[in-house]
Amino acid sequence: MTPHPPALSARADRAWTRLRLDRLAGGRQGGYVIREDMLAHPDTVRSFRWIRWLLVAETVVGLTAVLVAVLLTRAGQDVPWAVWFRATVVLLITLTLYVFAWRAQLGYYWAYQRLRLFSRVFPIVTLVIAAIPGLYPFWMVIEQIVFSVLMVGIGDVLTSDHMRRTFPKPARRDAR
């Protein structure tokens, strides 16, 4: 199962490469790509399939939060600004995670590292913010907990022994 048609993926990759976005996003390690045989390994393919499904679930959670806010507003309830801001930010963050997952699935170490970092940081930030009394309504706190659990799931997949072997840290080059 591929995440999108190969022709679309190839065109998107060519455009991304032409704009040198890997270099921009990944810095010195922007061009470091893991071995092809490790990308094709069944455990790697399975891991990225899980990550895609978890990101789809994240998207559903984010869209549901926006839908609930819209429905509550239409019903005449006051929906705090923080709810609108949080719902929008979560959707934008999820879009960036899709990009990181796409580039990581193509073997880019920088994207794997960013995805791994965000899957560790976002749940902590989300849960700390959710714990602030009165900031969000109860339903939004539940949404944040679900978001965090899904992010932890992505982090678990990324930090499996296989994935850490698949994405070895690049050797340091001497700075001359």
N, C-alpha and C. Protein backbone atom coordinates (compact mmCIF):
# COMPACT_ATOMS: atom_id res chain seq x y z
N MET A 1 0.84 -1.18 0.00
CA MET A 1 0.00 0.00 0.00
C MET A 1 0.88 1.24 0.00
N THR A 2 0.75 2.07 -0.99
CA THR A 2 1.52 3.32 -1.04
C THR A 2 0.64 4.45 -0.55
N PRO A 3 1.24 5.48 0.07
CA PRO A 3 0.44 6.56 0.62
C PRO A 3 -0.21 7.43 -0.44
N HIS A 4 0.34 7.48 -1.63
CA HIS A 4 -0.20 8.28 -2.72
C HIS A 4 0.33 7.72 -4.03
N PRO A 5 -0.28 8.07 -5.16
CA PRO A 5 0.17 7.53 -6.45
C PRO A 5 1.64 7.83 -6.70
N PRO A 6 2.40 6.86 -7.24
CA PRO A 6 3.83 7.05 -7.47
C PRO A 6 4.16 8.27 -8.34
N ALA A 7 3.35 8.56 -9.35
CA ALA A 7 3.63 9.70 -10.22
C ALA A 7 3.53 11.01 -9.44
N LEU A 8 2.52 11.11 -8.59
CA LEU A 8 2.36 12.31 -7.76
C LEU A 8 3.52 12.43 -6.79
N SER A 9 3.90 11.32 -6.19
CA SER A 9 5.02 11.33 -5.25
C SER A 9 6.32 11.74 -5.93
N ALA A 10 6.55 11.22 -7.12
CA ALA A 10 7.77 11.56 -7.86
C ALA A 10 7.80 13.03 -8.23
N ARG A 11 6.65 13.56 -8.68
CA ARG A 11 6.59 14.99 -9.03
C ARG A 11 6.81 15.86 -7.80
N ALA A 12 6.18 15.49 -6.70
CA ALA A 12 6.34 16.26 -5.46
C ALA A 12 7.79 16.21 -5.00
N ASP A 13 8.42 15.05 -5.10
CA ASP A 13 9.82 14.92 -4.69
C ASP A 13 10.73 15.76 -5.58
N ARG A 14 10.49 15.75 -6.88
CA ARG A 14 11.30 16.57 -7.79
C ARG A 14 11.17 18.05 -7.47
N ALA A 15 9.94 18.50 -7.22
CA ALA A 15 9.73 19.92 -6.88
C ALA A 15 10.41 20.26 -5.56
N TRP A 16 10.27 19.39 -4.58
CA TRP A 16 10.89 19.60 -3.27
C TRP A 16 12.41 19.69 -3.42
N THR A 17 12.97 18.77 -4.21
CA THR A 17 14.42 18.73 -4.42
C THR A 17 14.88 19.96 -5.20
N ARG A 18 14.15 20.34 -6.23
CA ARG A 18 14.52 21.51 -7.03
C ARG A 18 14.57 22.77 -6.18
N LEU A 19 13.67 22.86 -5.20
CA LEU A 19 13.64 24.03 -4.31
C LEU A 19 14.66 23.91 -3.16
N ARG A 20 15.37 22.80 -3.14
CA ARG A 20 16.40 22.54 -2.12
C ARG A 20 15.85 22.64 -0.69
N LEU A 21 14.64 22.15 -0.51
CA LEU A 21 13.99 22.26 0.79
C LEU A 21 14.58 21.29 1.81
N ASP A 22 15.15 20.17 1.34
CA ASP A 22 15.81 19.27 2.29
C ASP A 22 17.00 19.96 2.93
N ARG A 23 17.73 20.70 2.15
CA ARG A 23 18.89 21.44 2.67
C ARG A 23 18.42 22.51 3.65
N LEU A 24 17.35 23.19 3.30
CA LEU A 24 16.82 24.23 4.17
C LEU A 24 16.31 23.64 5.48
N ALA A 25 15.55 22.56 5.40
CA ALA A 25 14.96 21.96 6.60
C ALA A 25 15.94 21.12 7.40
N GLY A 26 16.87 20.48 6.71
CA GLY A 26 17.77 19.55 7.38
C GLY A 26 19.15 20.08 7.68
N GLY A 27 19.47 21.27 7.18
CA GLY A 27 20.79 21.84 7.43
C GLY A 27 21.88 20.98 6.82
N ARG A 28 22.98 20.83 7.55
CA ARG A 28 24.12 20.03 7.06
C ARG A 28 23.73 18.62 6.69
N GLN A 29 22.75 18.09 7.40
CA GLN A 29 22.34 16.70 7.17
C GLN A 29 21.21 16.59 6.15
N GLY A 30 20.90 17.69 5.48
CA GLY A 30 19.80 17.71 4.54
C GLY A 30 19.90 16.70 3.42
N GLY A 31 21.10 16.35 3.02
CA GLY A 31 21.27 15.40 1.93
C GLY A 31 21.57 13.99 2.37
N TYR A 32 21.67 13.76 3.67
CA TYR A 32 22.00 12.42 4.16
C TYR A 32 20.77 11.53 4.07
N VAL A 33 20.90 10.46 3.29
CA VAL A 33 19.81 9.51 3.07
C VAL A 33 20.31 8.13 3.49
N ILE A 34 19.44 7.38 4.13
CA ILE A 34 19.82 6.04 4.60
C ILE A 34 19.89 5.07 3.42
N ARG A 35 20.41 3.88 3.72
CA ARG A 35 20.57 2.86 2.67
C ARG A 35 19.22 2.41 2.12
N GLU A 36 19.18 2.19 0.82
CA GLU A 36 17.96 1.77 0.13
C GLU A 36 17.41 0.45 0.67
N ASP A 37 18.30 -0.50 0.97
CA ASP A 37 17.84 -1.80 1.46
C ASP A 37 17.12 -1.67 2.80
N MET A 38 17.53 -0.71 3.62
CA MET A 38 16.85 -0.51 4.90
C MET A 38 15.47 0.12 4.70
N LEU A 39 15.34 0.96 3.70
CA LEU A 39 14.02 1.56 3.40
C LEU A 39 13.02 0.50 2.93
N ALA A 40 13.53 -0.47 2.17
CA ALA A 40 12.65 -1.50 1.61
C ALA A 40 12.38 -2.64 2.59
N HIS A 41 13.05 -2.64 3.73
CA HIS A 41 12.87 -3.71 4.72
C HIS A 41 11.39 -3.75 5.15
N PRO A 42 10.83 -4.96 5.26
CA PRO A 42 9.41 -5.07 5.63
C PRO A 42 9.06 -4.37 6.95
N ASP A 43 9.96 -4.40 7.92
CA ASP A 43 9.68 -3.72 9.20
C ASP A 43 9.64 -2.21 9.03
N THR A 44 10.47 -1.67 8.14
CA THR A 44 10.46 -0.23 7.87
C THR A 44 9.17 0.15 7.18
N VAL A 45 8.79 -0.63 6.18
CA VAL A 45 7.54 -0.37 5.45
C VAL A 45 6.36 -0.42 6.42
N ARG A 46 6.33 -1.41 7.27
CA ARG A 46 5.26 -1.57 8.26
C ARG A 46 5.24 -0.39 9.24
N SER A 47 6.41 0.04 9.66
CA SER A 47 6.49 1.17 10.60
C SER A 47 5.91 2.44 9.99
N PHE A 48 6.27 2.71 8.74
CA PHE A 48 5.74 3.91 8.09
C PHE A 48 4.24 3.79 7.82
N ARG A 49 3.77 2.58 7.59
CA ARG A 49 2.32 2.39 7.44
C ARG A 49 1.62 2.76 8.74
N TRP A 50 2.14 2.32 9.88
CA TRP A 50 1.57 2.68 11.19
C TRP A 50 1.62 4.18 11.40
N ILE A 51 2.74 4.79 11.05
CA ILE A 51 2.87 6.24 11.24
C ILE A 51 1.82 6.97 10.41
N ARG A 52 1.62 6.54 9.16
CA ARG A 52 0.60 7.18 8.33
C ARG A 52 -0.78 7.06 8.95
N TRP A 53 -1.12 5.87 9.45
CA TRP A 53 -2.44 5.69 10.07
C TRP A 53 -2.58 6.54 11.33
N LEU A 54 -1.53 6.64 12.11
CA LEU A 54 -1.59 7.47 13.31
C LEU A 54 -1.74 8.95 12.94
N LEU A 55 -1.09 9.37 11.86
CA LEU A 55 -1.25 10.76 11.41
C LEU A 55 -2.66 11.01 10.87
N VAL A 56 -3.23 10.02 10.21
CA VAL A 56 -4.63 10.15 9.77
C VAL A 56 -5.53 10.30 11.00
N ALA A 57 -5.28 9.52 12.03
CA ALA A 57 -6.07 9.63 13.26
C ALA A 57 -5.88 11.01 13.89
N GLU A 58 -4.65 11.54 13.86
CA GLU A 58 -4.38 12.90 14.37
C GLU A 58 -5.21 13.92 13.59
N THR A 59 -5.28 13.74 12.29
CA THR A 59 -6.04 14.66 11.45
C THR A 59 -7.53 14.59 11.80
N VAL A 60 -8.03 13.39 11.99
CA VAL A 60 -9.44 13.22 12.36
C VAL A 60 -9.71 13.90 13.71
N VAL A 61 -8.82 13.72 14.66
CA VAL A 61 -8.98 14.36 15.97
C VAL A 61 -9.00 15.88 15.81
N GLY A 62 -8.07 16.41 15.02
CA GLY A 62 -8.01 17.86 14.81
C GLY A 62 -9.24 18.40 14.11
N LEU A 63 -9.68 17.70 13.06
CA LEU A 63 -10.88 18.14 12.34
C LEU A 63 -12.13 18.03 13.22
N THR A 64 -12.17 17.01 14.05
CA THR A 64 -13.29 16.85 14.97
C THR A 64 -13.35 18.01 15.96
N ALA A 65 -12.19 18.44 16.45
CA ALA A 65 -12.16 19.58 17.38
C ALA A 65 -12.71 20.84 16.70
N VAL A 66 -12.32 21.07 15.46
CA VAL A 66 -12.84 22.23 14.73
C VAL A 66 -14.34 22.09 14.52
N LEU A 67 -14.80 20.90 14.15
CA LEU A 67 -16.22 20.66 13.93
C LEU A 67 -17.03 20.90 15.21
N VAL A 68 -16.53 20.39 16.33
CA VAL A 68 -17.22 20.59 17.61
C VAL A 68 -17.30 22.08 17.92
N ALA A 69 -16.21 22.81 17.71
CA ALA A 69 -16.21 24.25 17.98
C ALA A 69 -17.22 24.98 17.08
N VAL A 70 -17.28 24.59 15.82
CA VAL A 70 -18.24 25.20 14.90
C VAL A 70 -19.67 24.91 15.34
N LEU A 71 -19.94 23.65 15.67
CA LEU A 71 -21.30 23.27 16.09
C LEU A 71 -21.70 23.98 17.38
N LEU A 72 -20.80 24.08 18.32
CA LEU A 72 -21.11 24.79 19.57
C LEU A 72 -21.38 26.27 19.31
N THR A 73 -20.58 26.86 18.43
CA THR A 73 -20.77 28.27 18.09
C THR A 73 -22.13 28.48 17.42
N ARG A 74 -22.47 27.58 16.50
CA ARG A 74 -23.77 27.70 15.80
C ARG A 74 -24.93 27.48 16.76
N ALA A 75 -24.68 26.71 17.84
CA ALA A 75 -25.73 26.48 18.84
C ALA A 75 -25.83 27.64 19.83
N GLY A 76 -24.98 28.65 19.64
CA GLY A 76 -25.06 29.83 20.49
C GLY A 76 -24.14 29.82 21.70
N GLN A 77 -23.33 28.80 21.82
CA GLN A 77 -22.39 28.76 22.95
C GLN A 77 -21.15 29.57 22.62
N ASP A 78 -20.58 30.13 23.67
CA ASP A 78 -19.35 30.89 23.50
C ASP A 78 -18.17 29.92 23.50
N VAL A 79 -17.41 29.90 22.40
CA VAL A 79 -16.23 29.05 22.29
C VAL A 79 -15.01 29.95 22.45
N PRO A 80 -14.20 29.70 23.48
CA PRO A 80 -13.06 30.58 23.76
C PRO A 80 -12.07 30.64 22.60
N TRP A 81 -11.40 31.77 22.50
CA TRP A 81 -10.39 32.00 21.48
C TRP A 81 -9.31 30.91 21.54
N ALA A 82 -8.95 30.48 22.74
CA ALA A 82 -7.91 29.46 22.92
C ALA A 82 -8.27 28.15 22.21
N VAL A 83 -9.55 27.83 22.17
CA VAL A 83 -9.99 26.60 21.49
C VAL A 83 -9.76 26.72 19.99
N TRP A 84 -10.14 27.86 19.41
CA TRP A 84 -9.95 28.07 17.97
C TRP A 84 -8.46 28.05 17.63
N PHE A 85 -7.68 28.72 18.44
CA PHE A 85 -6.24 28.77 18.21
C PHE A 85 -5.63 27.37 18.29
N ARG A 86 -5.97 26.63 19.33
CA ARG A 86 -5.43 25.27 19.52
C ARG A 86 -5.83 24.36 18.37
N ALA A 87 -7.09 24.41 17.97
CA ALA A 87 -7.56 23.53 16.90
C ALA A 87 -6.84 23.83 15.59
N THR A 88 -6.63 25.10 15.29
CA THR A 88 -5.93 25.49 14.07
C THR A 88 -4.47 25.07 14.12
N VAL A 89 -3.83 25.31 15.24
CA VAL A 89 -2.41 24.97 15.38
C VAL A 89 -2.20 23.46 15.26
N VAL A 90 -3.08 22.68 15.86
CA VAL A 90 -2.94 21.22 15.79
C VAL A 90 -3.03 20.74 14.34
N LEU A 91 -3.94 21.31 13.58
CA LEU A 91 -4.04 20.91 12.17
C LEU A 91 -2.79 21.31 11.39
N LEU A 92 -2.26 22.48 11.64
CA LEU A 92 -1.03 22.90 10.95
C LEU A 92 0.16 22.04 11.36
N ILE A 93 0.26 21.72 12.64
CA ILE A 93 1.33 20.84 13.12
C ILE A 93 1.23 19.48 12.45
N THR A 94 0.02 18.97 12.36
CA THR A 94 -0.18 17.66 11.75
C THR A 94 0.26 17.67 10.29
N LEU A 95 0.00 18.76 9.58
CA LEU A 95 0.46 18.86 8.19
C LEU A 95 1.98 18.81 8.11
N THR A 96 2.67 19.47 9.03
CA THR A 96 4.13 19.42 9.02
C THR A 96 4.61 18.01 9.33
N LEU A 97 3.89 17.31 10.19
CA LEU A 97 4.28 15.93 10.51
C LEU A 97 4.13 15.01 9.30
N TYR A 98 3.12 15.27 8.48
CA TYR A 98 2.98 14.51 7.23
C TYR A 98 4.20 14.73 6.34
N VAL A 99 4.66 15.96 6.25
CA VAL A 99 5.83 16.26 5.42
C VAL A 99 7.05 15.54 5.98
N PHE A 100 7.26 15.61 7.28
CA PHE A 100 8.40 14.91 7.89
C PHE A 100 8.30 13.41 7.64
N ALA A 101 7.12 12.84 7.78
CA ALA A 101 6.95 11.40 7.56
C ALA A 101 7.24 11.04 6.10
N TRP A 102 6.77 11.88 5.18
CA TRP A 102 7.02 11.65 3.75
C TRP A 102 8.51 11.65 3.46
N ARG A 103 9.23 12.66 3.94
CA ARG A 103 10.67 12.75 3.67
C ARG A 103 11.42 11.62 4.39
N ALA A 104 11.00 11.28 5.60
CA ALA A 104 11.65 10.18 6.32
C ALA A 104 11.43 8.87 5.58
N GLN A 105 10.24 8.68 5.04
CA GLN A 105 9.95 7.45 4.30
C GLN A 105 10.81 7.35 3.04
N LEU A 106 11.26 8.49 2.54
CA LEU A 106 12.18 8.49 1.40
C LEU A 106 13.63 8.32 1.85
N GLY A 107 13.84 8.25 3.16
CA GLY A 107 15.17 7.95 3.69
C GLY A 107 15.93 9.13 4.26
N TYR A 108 15.34 10.29 4.32
CA TYR A 108 16.05 11.46 4.83
C TYR A 108 16.14 11.41 6.35
N TYR A 109 17.37 11.36 6.83
CA TYR A 109 17.62 11.29 8.26
C TYR A 109 17.05 12.49 9.00
N TRP A 110 17.24 13.69 8.44
CA TRP A 110 16.77 14.90 9.11
C TRP A 110 15.27 14.81 9.40
N ALA A 111 14.49 14.28 8.46
CA ALA A 111 13.04 14.21 8.62
C ALA A 111 12.67 13.20 9.71
N TYR A 112 13.39 12.08 9.73
CA TYR A 112 13.18 11.09 10.79
C TYR A 112 13.44 11.72 12.15
N GLN A 113 14.54 12.45 12.26
CA GLN A 113 14.89 13.09 13.54
C GLN A 113 13.86 14.12 13.95
N ARG A 114 13.38 14.92 13.00
CA ARG A 114 12.37 15.95 13.33
C ARG A 114 11.08 15.28 13.78
N LEU A 115 10.67 14.25 13.07
CA LEU A 115 9.44 13.54 13.43
C LEU A 115 9.58 12.93 14.82
N ARG A 116 10.73 12.35 15.08
CA ARG A 116 10.98 11.75 16.39
C ARG A 116 10.98 12.81 17.50
N LEU A 117 11.62 13.94 17.24
CA LEU A 117 11.65 15.03 18.22
C LEU A 117 10.24 15.54 18.52
N PHE A 118 9.48 15.84 17.47
CA PHE A 118 8.14 16.37 17.67
C PHE A 118 7.24 15.36 18.37
N SER A 119 7.43 14.07 18.10
CA SER A 119 6.59 13.06 18.75
C SER A 119 6.92 12.94 20.23
N ARG A 120 8.04 13.45 20.65
CA ARG A 120 8.39 13.47 22.08
C ARG A 120 7.97 14.77 22.75
N VAL A 121 8.14 15.88 22.05
CA VAL A 121 7.89 17.20 22.65
C VAL A 121 6.39 17.54 22.67
N PHE A 122 5.69 17.33 21.58
CA PHE A 122 4.29 17.75 21.49
C PHE A 122 3.40 17.13 22.57
N PRO A 123 3.52 15.84 22.87
CA PRO A 123 2.65 15.31 23.93
C PRO A 123 2.89 15.99 25.29
N ILE A 124 4.12 16.28 25.59
CA ILE A 124 4.42 16.92 26.87
C ILE A 124 3.81 18.32 26.91
N VAL A 125 4.07 19.10 25.86
CA VAL A 125 3.54 20.46 25.79
C VAL A 125 2.01 20.43 25.84
N THR A 126 1.43 19.54 25.07
CA THR A 126 -0.03 19.45 24.99
C THR A 126 -0.63 19.12 26.35
N LEU A 127 -0.05 18.16 27.05
CA LEU A 127 -0.61 17.77 28.35
C LEU A 127 -0.41 18.85 29.41
N VAL A 128 0.73 19.54 29.36
CA VAL A 128 0.95 20.64 30.32
C VAL A 128 -0.07 21.74 30.09
N ILE A 129 -0.30 22.10 28.83
CA ILE A 129 -1.27 23.15 28.53
C ILE A 129 -2.68 22.69 28.89
N ALA A 130 -2.99 21.43 28.65
CA ALA A 130 -4.33 20.91 28.99
C ALA A 130 -4.58 20.94 30.49
N ALA A 131 -3.52 20.91 31.27
CA ALA A 131 -3.65 20.89 32.73
C ALA A 131 -3.90 22.28 33.32
N ILE A 132 -3.81 23.33 32.51
CA ILE A 132 -4.06 24.68 33.01
C ILE A 132 -5.56 24.82 33.27
N PRO A 133 -5.93 25.03 34.52
CA PRO A 133 -7.36 25.09 34.87
C PRO A 133 -8.10 26.21 34.13
N GLY A 134 -9.22 25.85 33.54
CA GLY A 134 -10.09 26.82 32.92
C GLY A 134 -9.68 27.30 31.53
N LEU A 135 -8.54 26.88 31.04
CA LEU A 135 -8.11 27.36 29.72
C LEU A 135 -8.97 26.77 28.61
N TYR A 136 -9.28 25.48 28.72
CA TYR A 136 -10.07 24.80 27.70
C TYR A 136 -11.28 24.13 28.34
N PRO A 137 -12.35 23.99 27.55
CA PRO A 137 -13.48 23.20 28.04
C PRO A 137 -13.07 21.72 28.14
N PHE A 138 -13.85 20.96 28.89
CA PHE A 138 -13.53 19.56 29.15
C PHE A 138 -13.34 18.76 27.86
N TRP A 139 -14.20 18.98 26.87
CA TRP A 139 -14.10 18.22 25.63
C TRP A 139 -12.76 18.47 24.92
N MET A 140 -12.23 19.70 25.03
CA MET A 140 -10.94 20.03 24.40
C MET A 140 -9.79 19.38 25.18
N VAL A 141 -9.94 19.28 26.48
CA VAL A 141 -8.92 18.59 27.28
C VAL A 141 -8.84 17.12 26.86
N ILE A 142 -10.00 16.51 26.65
CA ILE A 142 -10.03 15.11 26.18
C ILE A 142 -9.38 15.01 24.81
N GLU A 143 -9.66 15.96 23.93
CA GLU A 143 -9.06 15.98 22.59
C GLU A 143 -7.54 16.05 22.70
N GLN A 144 -7.04 16.87 23.62
CA GLN A 144 -5.60 17.00 23.79
C GLN A 144 -4.96 15.72 24.31
N ILE A 145 -5.68 15.02 25.18
CA ILE A 145 -5.16 13.74 25.69
C ILE A 145 -5.09 12.72 24.56
N VAL A 146 -6.14 12.66 23.73
CA VAL A 146 -6.14 11.73 22.59
C VAL A 146 -5.02 12.09 21.63
N PHE A 147 -4.86 13.37 21.33
CA PHE A 147 -3.76 13.84 20.47
C PHE A 147 -2.42 13.36 21.03
N SER A 148 -2.23 13.52 22.32
CA SER A 148 -0.96 13.13 22.95
C SER A 148 -0.72 11.63 22.87
N VAL A 149 -1.75 10.86 23.10
CA VAL A 149 -1.61 9.40 23.04
C VAL A 149 -1.21 8.97 21.62
N LEU A 150 -1.82 9.58 20.61
CA LEU A 150 -1.45 9.26 19.22
C LEU A 150 -0.01 9.66 18.93
N MET A 151 0.41 10.81 19.43
CA MET A 151 1.79 11.25 19.22
C MET A 151 2.78 10.31 19.92
N VAL A 152 2.43 9.86 21.10
CA VAL A 152 3.28 8.89 21.79
C VAL A 152 3.39 7.61 20.97
N GLY A 153 2.29 7.21 20.34
CA GLY A 153 2.31 6.04 19.46
C GLY A 153 3.28 6.22 18.30
N ILE A 154 3.29 7.40 17.70
CA ILE A 154 4.24 7.68 16.63
C ILE A 154 5.65 7.61 17.16
N GLY A 155 5.87 8.19 18.33
CA GLY A 155 7.20 8.15 18.95
C GLY A 155 7.65 6.73 19.24
N ASP A 156 6.73 5.89 19.69
CA ASP A 156 7.09 4.49 19.96
C ASP A 156 7.53 3.77 18.70
N VAL A 157 6.82 4.00 17.61
CA VAL A 157 7.19 3.37 16.33
C VAL A 157 8.59 3.86 15.90
N LEU A 158 8.81 5.16 16.02
CA LEU A 158 10.08 5.74 15.56
C LEU A 158 11.27 5.33 16.41
N THR A 159 11.05 5.02 17.66
CA THR A 159 12.17 4.67 18.54
C THR A 159 12.32 3.16 18.73
N SER A 160 11.63 2.40 17.90
CA SER A 160 11.81 0.94 17.98
C SER A 160 13.26 0.61 17.62
N ASP A 161 13.72 -0.53 18.07
CA ASP A 161 15.10 -0.94 17.76
C ASP A 161 15.34 -0.95 16.25
N HIS A 162 14.36 -1.47 15.51
CA HIS A 162 14.54 -1.54 14.06
C HIS A 162 14.69 -0.15 13.44
N MET A 163 13.82 0.77 13.83
CA MET A 163 13.87 2.11 13.22
C MET A 163 15.15 2.85 13.62
N ARG A 164 15.62 2.65 14.82
CA ARG A 164 16.88 3.30 15.21
C ARG A 164 18.05 2.71 14.43
N ARG A 165 18.00 1.42 14.12
CA ARG A 165 19.05 0.82 13.27
C ARG A 165 18.91 1.28 11.82
N THR A 166 17.68 1.48 11.38
CA THR A 166 17.42 1.91 10.02
C THR A 166 17.93 3.32 9.77
N PHE A 167 17.80 4.19 10.76
CA PHE A 167 18.20 5.58 10.64
C PHE A 167 19.39 5.87 11.55
N PRO A 168 20.57 5.34 11.20
CA PRO A 168 21.73 5.61 12.05
C PRO A 168 22.16 7.07 11.95
N LYS A 169 22.69 7.56 13.02
CA LYS A 169 23.17 8.94 13.04
C LYS A 169 24.33 9.07 12.06
N PRO A 170 24.33 10.13 11.23
CA PRO A 170 25.42 10.30 10.27
C PRO A 170 26.74 10.57 10.99
N ALA A 171 27.81 10.11 10.39
CA ALA A 171 29.14 10.37 10.96
C ALA A 171 29.43 11.86 10.85
N ARG A 172 30.07 12.39 11.86
CA ARG A 172 30.43 13.82 11.86
C ARG A 172 31.56 14.06 10.87
N ARG A 173 31.42 15.14 10.14
CA ARG A 173 32.50 15.55 9.24
C ARG A 173 33.35 16.58 9.95
N ASP A 174 34.63 16.55 9.69
CA ASP A 174 35.52 17.55 10.28
C ASP A 174 35.19 18.92 9.72
N ALA A 175 35.06 19.89 10.62
CA ALA A 175 34.79 21.27 10.19
C ALA A 175 36.12 21.97 9.92
N ARG A 176 36.43 22.09 8.66
CA ARG A 176 37.72 22.71 8.30
C ARG A 176 37.51 24.02 7.64
